[in-house]
Amino acid sequence: MAHYQGVKQSTVPTLLAHKSDALEMYKVVTCSQVSPAEQDILLGYINQTIYALDDGLRFNVKQLLVYGV
C-alpha cells in the first residue's frame, strides 16, 4: 500500500495523449505485415491499454462531476 501513496492521478489531457498514441499503434499494427498470431498478441496488449486508459478517463470525469476536482 505504501507504494501507491506517492502516485498522483493522471490528468485527462495526459490520458487522452496516451490513448491517441495507443490508437496510432493499433493502426500501425493492423497495417503491418506480421503474422496473424503476432498481430493478435500485439492488438491484445494495445486493447488492454486502451481499456485501462478509458477507465482512467471515466474515473477522472466522474471525480470532476461529483467533486469538482
PDB file of N, CA and C in Angstrom:
ATOM      1  N   MET A   1       0.817  -1.190   0.000  1.00  0.00           N
ATOM      2  CA  MET A   1       0.000   0.000   0.000  1.00  0.00           C
ATOM      3  C   MET A   1       0.866   1.262   0.000  1.00  0.00           C
ATOM      4  N   ALA A   2       1.978   1.226   0.684  1.00  0.00           N
ATOM      5  CA  ALA A   2       2.847   2.395   0.751  1.00  0.00           C
ATOM      6  C   ALA A   2       3.374   2.773  -0.630  1.00  0.00           C
ATOM      7  N   HIS A   3       3.487   1.795  -1.493  1.00  0.00           N
ATOM      8  CA  HIS A   3       3.980   2.033  -2.852  1.00  0.00           C
ATOM      9  C   HIS A   3       3.083   3.008  -3.606  1.00  0.00           C
ATOM     10  N   TYR A   4       1.786   2.974  -3.369  1.00  0.00           N
ATOM     11  CA  TYR A   4       0.833   3.784  -4.106  1.00  0.00           C
ATOM     12  C   TYR A   4       0.562   5.147  -3.480  1.00  0.00           C
ATOM     13  N   GLN A   5       1.077   5.401  -2.308  1.00  0.00           N
ATOM     14  CA  GLN A   5       0.777   6.664  -1.640  1.00  0.00           C
ATOM     15  C   GLN A   5       1.351   7.876  -2.367  1.00  0.00           C
ATOM     16  N   GLY A   6       2.465   7.703  -3.055  1.00  0.00           N
ATOM     17  CA  GLY A   6       3.073   8.826  -3.755  1.00  0.00           C
ATOM     18  C   GLY A   6       2.583   8.983  -5.184  1.00  0.00           C
ATOM     19  N   VAL A   7       1.689   8.105  -5.637  1.00  0.00           N
ATOM     20  CA  VAL A   7       1.213   8.137  -7.013  1.00  0.00           C
ATOM     21  C   VAL A   7       0.175   9.243  -7.164  1.00  0.00           C
ATOM     22  N   LYS A   8       0.361  10.067  -8.201  1.00  0.00           N
ATOM     23  CA  LYS A   8      -0.585  11.143  -8.463  1.00  0.00           C
ATOM     24  C   LYS A   8      -1.524  10.723  -9.589  1.00  0.00           C
ATOM     25  N   GLN A   9      -2.707  11.269  -9.575  1.00  0.00           N
ATOM     26  CA  GLN A   9      -3.714  10.976 -10.590  1.00  0.00           C
ATOM     27  C   GLN A   9      -3.301  11.647 -11.904  1.00  0.00           C
ATOM     28  N   SER A  10      -3.405  10.913 -12.992  1.00  0.00           N
ATOM     29  CA  SER A  10      -3.098  11.466 -14.312  1.00  0.00           C
ATOM     30  C   SER A  10      -4.213  12.411 -14.751  1.00  0.00           C
ATOM     31  N   THR A  11      -3.833  13.431 -15.479  1.00  0.00           N
ATOM     32  CA  THR A  11      -4.824  14.391 -15.959  1.00  0.00           C
ATOM     33  C   THR A  11      -5.497  13.853 -17.220  1.00  0.00           C
ATOM     34  N   VAL A  12      -6.661  14.406 -17.513  1.00  0.00           N
ATOM     35  CA  VAL A  12      -7.397  13.996 -18.711  1.00  0.00           C
ATOM     36  C   VAL A  12      -6.569  14.243 -19.970  1.00  0.00           C
ATOM     37  N   PRO A  13      -5.917  15.405 -20.131  1.00  0.00           N
ATOM     38  CA  PRO A  13      -5.115  15.602 -21.342  1.00  0.00           C
ATOM     39  C   PRO A  13      -3.985  14.562 -21.483  1.00  0.00           C
ATOM     40  N   THR A  14      -3.383  14.172 -20.376  1.00  0.00           N
ATOM     41  CA  THR A  14      -2.331  13.157 -20.417  1.00  0.00           C
ATOM     42  C   THR A  14      -2.898  11.814 -20.853  1.00  0.00           C
ATOM     43  N   LEU A  15      -4.040  11.442 -20.278  1.00  0.00           N
ATOM     44  CA  LEU A  15      -4.663  10.174 -20.652  1.00  0.00           C
ATOM     45  C   LEU A  15      -5.091  10.174 -22.112  1.00  0.00           C
ATOM     46  N   LEU A  16      -5.617  11.305 -22.583  1.00  0.00           N
ATOM     47  CA  LEU A  16      -6.021  11.401 -23.989  1.00  0.00           C
ATOM     48  C   LEU A  16      -4.815  11.310 -24.926  1.00  0.00           C
ATOM     49  N   ALA A  17      -3.698  11.888 -24.521  1.00  0.00           N
ATOM     50  CA  ALA A  17      -2.480  11.793 -25.336  1.00  0.00           C
ATOM     51  C   ALA A  17      -2.007  10.345 -25.423  1.00  0.00           C
ATOM     52  N   HIS A  18      -2.048   9.633 -24.301  1.00  0.00           N
ATOM     53  CA  HIS A  18      -1.658   8.223 -24.300  1.00  0.00           C
ATOM     54  C   HIS A  18      -2.620   7.386 -25.138  1.00  0.00           C
ATOM     55  N   LYS A  19      -3.909   7.717 -25.065  1.00  0.00           N
ATOM     56  CA  LYS A  19      -4.888   6.970 -25.866  1.00  0.00           C
ATOM     57  C   LYS A  19      -4.650   7.220 -27.350  1.00  0.00           C
ATOM     58  N   SER A  20      -4.338   8.441 -27.705  1.00  0.00           N
ATOM     59  CA  SER A  20      -4.028   8.757 -29.095  1.00  0.00           C
ATOM     60  C   SER A  20      -2.826   7.945 -29.573  1.00  0.00           C
ATOM     61  N   ASP A  21      -1.798   7.848 -28.727  1.00  0.00           N
ATOM     62  CA  ASP A  21      -0.623   7.042 -29.068  1.00  0.00           C
ATOM     63  C   ASP A  21      -0.996   5.569 -29.238  1.00  0.00           C
ATOM     64  N   ALA A  22      -1.832   5.063 -28.348  1.00  0.00           N
ATOM     65  CA  ALA A  22      -2.246   3.661 -28.420  1.00  0.00           C
ATOM     66  C   ALA A  22      -3.051   3.394 -29.693  1.00  0.00           C
ATOM     67  N   LEU A  23      -3.919   4.319 -30.048  1.00  0.00           N
ATOM     68  CA  LEU A  23      -4.703   4.153 -31.276  1.00  0.00           C
ATOM     69  C   LEU A  23      -3.812   4.204 -32.511  1.00  0.00           C
ATOM     70  N   GLU A  24      -2.790   5.043 -32.466  1.00  0.00           N
ATOM     71  CA  GLU A  24      -1.831   5.093 -33.579  1.00  0.00           C
ATOM     72  C   GLU A  24      -1.068   3.767 -33.680  1.00  0.00           C
ATOM     73  N   MET A  25      -0.676   3.211 -32.549  1.00  0.00           N
ATOM     74  CA  MET A  25      -0.007   1.905 -32.559  1.00  0.00           C
ATOM     75  C   MET A  25      -0.933   0.830 -33.113  1.00  0.00           C
ATOM     76  N   TYR A  26      -2.207   0.901 -32.758  1.00  0.00           N
ATOM     77  CA  TYR A  26      -3.193  -0.053 -33.263  1.00  0.00           C
ATOM     78  C   TYR A  26      -3.233   0.006 -34.789  1.00  0.00           C
ATOM     79  N   LYS A  27      -3.254   1.233 -35.314  1.00  0.00           N
ATOM     80  CA  LYS A  27      -3.285   1.420 -36.759  1.00  0.00           C
ATOM     81  C   LYS A  27      -2.012   0.854 -37.406  1.00  0.00           C
ATOM     82  N   VAL A  28      -0.877   1.109 -36.801  1.00  0.00           N
ATOM     83  CA  VAL A  28       0.390   0.617 -37.345  1.00  0.00           C
ATOM     84  C   VAL A  28       0.407  -0.905 -37.367  1.00  0.00           C
ATOM     85  N   VAL A  29      -0.059  -1.523 -36.284  1.00  0.00           N
ATOM     86  CA  VAL A  29      -0.051  -2.983 -36.210  1.00  0.00           C
ATOM     87  C   VAL A  29      -1.004  -3.587 -37.237  1.00  0.00           C
ATOM     88  N   THR A  30      -2.183  -2.994 -37.380  1.00  0.00           N
ATOM     89  CA  THR A  30      -3.146  -3.556 -38.332  1.00  0.00           C
ATOM     90  C   THR A  30      -2.676  -3.391 -39.775  1.00  0.00           C
ATOM     91  N   CYS A  31      -1.843  -2.391 -40.035  1.00  0.00           N
ATOM     92  CA  CYS A  31      -1.334  -2.169 -41.393  1.00  0.00           C
ATOM     93  C   CYS A  31       0.013  -2.858 -41.640  1.00  0.00           C
ATOM     94  N   SER A  32       0.591  -3.445 -40.611  1.00  0.00           N
ATOM     95  CA  SER A  32       1.905  -4.068 -40.762  1.00  0.00           C
ATOM     96  C   SER A  32       1.782  -5.487 -41.294  1.00  0.00           C
ATOM     97  N   GLN A  33       2.899  -5.991 -41.738  1.00  0.00           N
ATOM     98  CA  GLN A  33       2.916  -7.335 -42.290  1.00  0.00           C
ATOM     99  C   GLN A  33       3.529  -8.295 -41.282  1.00  0.00           C
ATOM    100  N   VAL A  34       2.795  -8.548 -40.227  1.00  0.00           N
ATOM    101  CA  VAL A  34       3.204  -9.536 -39.232  1.00  0.00           C
ATOM    102  C   VAL A  34       2.236 -10.708 -39.319  1.00  0.00           C
ATOM    103  N   SER A  35       2.634 -11.795 -38.716  1.00  0.00           N
ATOM    104  CA  SER A  35       1.767 -12.976 -38.768  1.00  0.00           C
ATOM    105  C   SER A  35       0.476 -12.703 -37.996  1.00  0.00           C
ATOM    106  N   PRO A  36      -0.584 -13.423 -38.339  1.00  0.00           N
ATOM    107  CA  PRO A  36      -1.846 -13.238 -37.611  1.00  0.00           C
ATOM    108  C   PRO A  36      -1.693 -13.469 -36.102  1.00  0.00           C
ATOM    109  N   ALA A  37      -0.869 -14.429 -35.724  1.00  0.00           N
ATOM    110  CA  ALA A  37      -0.668 -14.697 -34.293  1.00  0.00           C
ATOM    111  C   ALA A  37       0.008 -13.512 -33.610  1.00  0.00           C
ATOM    112  N   GLU A  38       1.050 -12.969 -34.250  1.00  0.00           N
ATOM    113  CA  GLU A  38       1.731 -11.799 -33.679  1.00  0.00           C
ATOM    114  C   GLU A  38       0.786 -10.602 -33.608  1.00  0.00           C
ATOM    115  N   GLN A  39      -0.001 -10.432 -34.655  1.00  0.00           N
ATOM    116  CA  GLN A  39      -0.949  -9.321 -34.677  1.00  0.00           C
ATOM    117  C   GLN A  39      -1.975  -9.461 -33.552  1.00  0.00           C
ATOM    118  N   ASP A  40      -2.480 -10.665 -33.339  1.00  0.00           N
ATOM    119  CA  ASP A  40      -3.441 -10.892 -32.250  1.00  0.00           C
ATOM    120  C   ASP A  40      -2.843 -10.552 -30.896  1.00  0.00           C
ATOM    121  N   ILE A  41      -1.594 -10.946 -30.693  1.00  0.00           N
ATOM    122  CA  ILE A  41      -0.928 -10.673 -29.411  1.00  0.00           C
ATOM    123  C   ILE A  41      -0.744  -9.171 -29.225  1.00  0.00           C
ATOM    124  N   LEU A  42      -0.204  -8.511 -30.241  1.00  0.00           N
ATOM    125  CA  LEU A  42       0.038  -7.069 -30.137  1.00  0.00           C
ATOM    126  C   LEU A  42      -1.257  -6.285 -29.958  1.00  0.00           C
ATOM    127  N   LEU A  43      -2.271  -6.638 -30.735  1.00  0.00           N
ATOM    128  CA  LEU A  43      -3.550  -5.930 -30.605  1.00  0.00           C
ATOM    129  C   LEU A  43      -4.202  -6.199 -29.255  1.00  0.00           C
ATOM    130  N   GLY A  44      -3.985  -7.383 -28.706  1.00  0.00           N
ATOM    131  CA  GLY A  44      -4.496  -7.682 -27.367  1.00  0.00           C
ATOM    132  C   GLY A  44      -3.897  -6.759 -26.320  1.00  0.00           C
ATOM    133  N   TYR A  45      -2.568  -6.568 -26.388  1.00  0.00           N
ATOM    134  CA  TYR A  45      -1.911  -5.659 -25.447  1.00  0.00           C
ATOM    135  C   TYR A  45      -2.386  -4.215 -25.643  1.00  0.00           C
ATOM    136  N   ILE A  46      -2.508  -3.819 -26.887  1.00  0.00           N
ATOM    137  CA  ILE A  46      -2.952  -2.451 -27.164  1.00  0.00           C
ATOM    138  C   ILE A  46      -4.388  -2.250 -26.694  1.00  0.00           C
ATOM    139  N   ASN A  47      -5.245  -3.241 -26.921  1.00  0.00           N
ATOM    140  CA  ASN A  47      -6.634  -3.142 -26.439  1.00  0.00           C
ATOM    141  C   ASN A  47      -6.688  -3.018 -24.929  1.00  0.00           C
ATOM    142  N   GLN A  48      -5.868  -3.792 -24.223  1.00  0.00           N
ATOM    143  CA  GLN A  48      -5.829  -3.698 -22.755  1.00  0.00           C
ATOM    144  C   GLN A  48      -5.421  -2.296 -22.329  1.00  0.00           C
ATOM    145  N   THR A  49      -4.454  -1.724 -23.030  1.00  0.00           N
ATOM    146  CA  THR A  49      -4.008  -0.373 -22.720  1.00  0.00           C
ATOM    147  C   THR A  49      -5.141   0.629 -22.931  1.00  0.00           C
ATOM    148  N   ILE A  50      -5.843   0.489 -24.049  1.00  0.00           N
ATOM    149  CA  ILE A  50      -6.945   1.405 -24.347  1.00  0.00           C
ATOM    150  C   ILE A  50      -8.055   1.272 -23.308  1.00  0.00           C
ATOM    151  N   TYR A  51      -8.381   0.055 -22.913  1.00  0.00           N
ATOM    152  CA  TYR A  51      -9.412  -0.151 -21.879  1.00  0.00           C
ATOM    153  C   TYR A  51      -8.990   0.495 -20.556  1.00  0.00           C
ATOM    154  N   ALA A  52      -7.716   0.345 -20.187  1.00  0.00           N
ATOM    155  CA  ALA A  52      -7.225   0.938 -18.937  1.00  0.00           C
ATOM    156  C   ALA A  52      -7.284   2.462 -19.014  1.00  0.00           C
ATOM    157  N   LEU A  53      -6.918   3.018 -20.152  1.00  0.00           N
ATOM    158  CA  LEU A  53      -6.988   4.473 -20.312  1.00  0.00           C
ATOM    159  C   LEU A  53      -8.427   4.957 -20.253  1.00  0.00           C
ATOM    160  N   ASP A  54      -9.339   4.203 -20.872  1.00  0.00           N
ATOM    161  CA  ASP A  54     -10.758   4.566 -20.803  1.00  0.00           C
ATOM    162  C   ASP A  54     -11.264   4.548 -19.366  1.00  0.00           C
ATOM    163  N   ASP A  55     -10.830   3.558 -18.594  1.00  0.00           N
ATOM    164  CA  ASP A  55     -11.214   3.511 -17.173  1.00  0.00           C
ATOM    165  C   ASP A  55     -10.698   4.742 -16.438  1.00  0.00           C
ATOM    166  N   GLY A  56      -9.454   5.113 -16.712  1.00  0.00           N
ATOM    167  CA  GLY A  56      -8.885   6.307 -16.091  1.00  0.00           C
ATOM    168  C   GLY A  56      -9.634   7.564 -16.482  1.00  0.00           C
ATOM    169  N   LEU A  57     -10.014   7.653 -17.735  1.00  0.00           N
ATOM    170  CA  LEU A  57     -10.782   8.812 -18.192  1.00  0.00           C
ATOM    171  C   LEU A  57     -12.153   8.860 -17.523  1.00  0.00           C
ATOM    172  N   ARG A  58     -12.816   7.712 -17.433  1.00  0.00           N
ATOM    173  CA  ARG A  58     -14.125   7.678 -16.754  1.00  0.00           C
ATOM    174  C   ARG A  58     -13.992   8.092 -15.293  1.00  0.00           C
ATOM    175  N   PHE A  59     -12.946   7.613 -14.637  1.00  0.00           N
ATOM    176  CA  PHE A  59     -12.736   7.952 -13.236  1.00  0.00           C
ATOM    177  C   PHE A  59     -12.507   9.455 -13.080  1.00  0.00           C
ATOM    178  N   ASN A  60     -11.663  10.023 -13.947  1.00  0.00           N
ATOM    179  CA  ASN A  60     -11.385  11.466 -13.863  1.00  0.00           C
ATOM    180  C   ASN A  60     -12.630  12.297 -14.103  1.00  0.00           C
ATOM    181  N   VAL A  61     -13.425  11.918 -15.090  1.00  0.00           N
ATOM    182  CA  VAL A  61     -14.651  12.666 -15.384  1.00  0.00           C
ATOM    183  C   VAL A  61     -15.626  12.538 -14.224  1.00  0.00           C
ATOM    184  N   LYS A  62     -15.734  11.332 -13.666  1.00  0.00           N
ATOM    185  CA  LYS A  62     -16.637  11.128 -12.520  1.00  0.00           C
ATOM    186  C   LYS A  62     -16.186  11.987 -11.337  1.00  0.00           C
ATOM    187  N   GLN A  63     -14.885  12.029 -11.083  1.00  0.00           N
ATOM    188  CA  GLN A  63     -14.353  12.862  -9.989  1.00  0.00           C
ATOM    189  C   GLN A  63     -14.699  14.328 -10.238  1.00  0.00           C
ATOM    190  N   LEU A  64     -14.553  14.752 -11.470  1.00  0.00           N
ATOM    191  CA  LEU A  64     -14.834  16.142 -11.809  1.00  0.00           C
ATOM    192  C   LEU A  64     -16.306  16.468 -11.604  1.00  0.00           C
ATOM    193  N   LEU A  65     -17.177  15.550 -12.049  1.00  0.00           N
ATOM    194  CA  LEU A  65     -18.617  15.796 -11.912  1.00  0.00           C
ATOM    195  C   LEU A  65     -19.092  15.747 -10.470  1.00  0.00           C
ATOM    196  N   VAL A  66     -18.555  14.811  -9.700  1.00  0.00           N
ATOM    197  CA  VAL A  66     -19.007  14.632  -8.325  1.00  0.00           C
ATOM    198  C   VAL A  66     -18.373  15.640  -7.378  1.00  0.00           C
ATOM    199  N   TYR A  67     -17.060  15.820  -7.516  1.00  0.00           N
ATOM    200  CA  TYR A  67     -16.330  16.627  -6.529  1.00  0.00           C
ATOM    201  C   TYR A  67     -15.862  17.966  -7.071  1.00  0.00           C
ATOM    202  N   GLY A  68     -15.965  18.169  -8.374  1.00  0.00           N
ATOM    203  CA  GLY A  68     -15.474  19.412  -8.941  1.00  0.00           C
ATOM    204  C   GLY A  68     -13.971  19.538  -8.875  1.00  0.00           C
ATOM    205  N   VAL A  69     -13.285  18.375  -8.779  1.00  0.00           N
ATOM    206  CA  VAL A  69     -11.813  18.369  -8.658  1.00  0.00           C
ATOM    207  C   VAL A  69     -11.195  18.287 -10.022  1.00  0.00           C
TER     208      VAL A  69
END
